[in-house]
């Protein structure tokens, strides 16, 4: 679900993973037609980093 959100509404995805400043910057980037693709790519990359961080923290807790 977050991957779909990252592609279509990249700025909103940043707010769901707890990065509001990046979300605001992404929104500004997304407002331009040319900036939509880089914003979506950035959002998907940030989502993959978030998932990796979650897995690492889960592994360290055990």
Protein backbone atom coordinates (compact mmCIF):
# COMPACT_ATOMS: atom_id res chain seq x y z
CA UNK A 1 0.00 0.00 0.00
CA UNK A 2 2.81 2.40 0.85
CA UNK A 3 4.49 1.68 -2.49
CA UNK A 4 1.39 2.84 -4.38
CA UNK A 5 1.27 5.90 -2.17
CA UNK A 6 4.96 6.55 -2.86
CA UNK A 7 4.35 6.54 -6.61
CA UNK A 8 1.16 8.57 -6.82
CA UNK A 9 1.44 10.86 -3.77
CA UNK A 10 5.15 10.89 -2.91
CA UNK A 11 4.94 13.78 -0.45
CA UNK A 12 2.27 12.03 1.64
CA UNK A 13 4.38 8.89 1.93
CA UNK A 14 7.12 10.87 3.69
CA UNK A 15 4.63 11.91 6.35
CA UNK A 16 3.62 8.27 6.95
CA UNK A 17 7.23 7.25 7.64
CA UNK A 18 7.88 10.17 9.98
CA UNK A 19 9.86 12.54 7.74
CA UNK A 20 7.71 15.70 7.50
CA UNK A 21 10.49 18.06 6.33
CA UNK A 22 11.28 15.74 3.42
CA UNK A 23 7.53 15.58 2.74
CA UNK A 24 7.31 19.36 2.39
CA UNK A 25 10.35 19.47 0.10
CA UNK A 26 8.89 16.64 -1.95
CA UNK A 27 5.57 18.46 -2.23
CA UNK A 28 7.32 21.54 -3.59
CA UNK A 29 9.20 19.35 -6.06
CA UNK A 30 6.03 17.51 -7.03
CA UNK A 31 4.16 20.73 -7.82
CA UNK A 32 6.24 21.04 -10.97
CA UNK A 33 5.46 18.65 -13.80
CA UNK A 34 9.13 17.85 -14.34
CA UNK A 35 9.70 17.23 -10.62
CA UNK A 36 7.04 14.54 -10.30
CA UNK A 37 9.26 11.68 -11.49
CA UNK A 38 12.25 12.55 -9.27
CA UNK A 39 9.87 12.99 -6.32
CA UNK A 40 8.37 9.54 -6.91
CA UNK A 41 11.80 7.93 -7.25
CA UNK A 42 13.02 9.66 -4.08
CA UNK A 43 9.92 8.53 -2.23
CA UNK A 44 10.31 4.88 -3.26
CA UNK A 45 13.98 4.98 -2.26
CA UNK A 46 13.12 6.49 1.13
CA UNK A 47 10.48 3.81 1.63
CA UNK A 48 13.02 1.05 0.99
CA UNK A 49 15.42 2.65 3.49
CA UNK A 50 12.60 2.86 6.04
CA UNK A 51 11.81 -0.84 5.62
CA UNK A 52 15.48 -1.74 5.99
CA UNK A 53 15.76 0.33 9.16
CA UNK A 54 12.68 -1.40 10.56
CA UNK A 55 14.18 -4.84 9.88
CA UNK A 56 17.48 -3.87 11.51
CA UNK A 57 15.83 -2.50 14.63
CA UNK A 58 13.64 -5.61 14.87
CA UNK A 59 16.70 -7.86 14.58
CA UNK A 60 18.58 -5.93 17.26
CA UNK A 61 15.70 -6.17 19.73
CA UNK A 62 15.83 -9.97 19.78
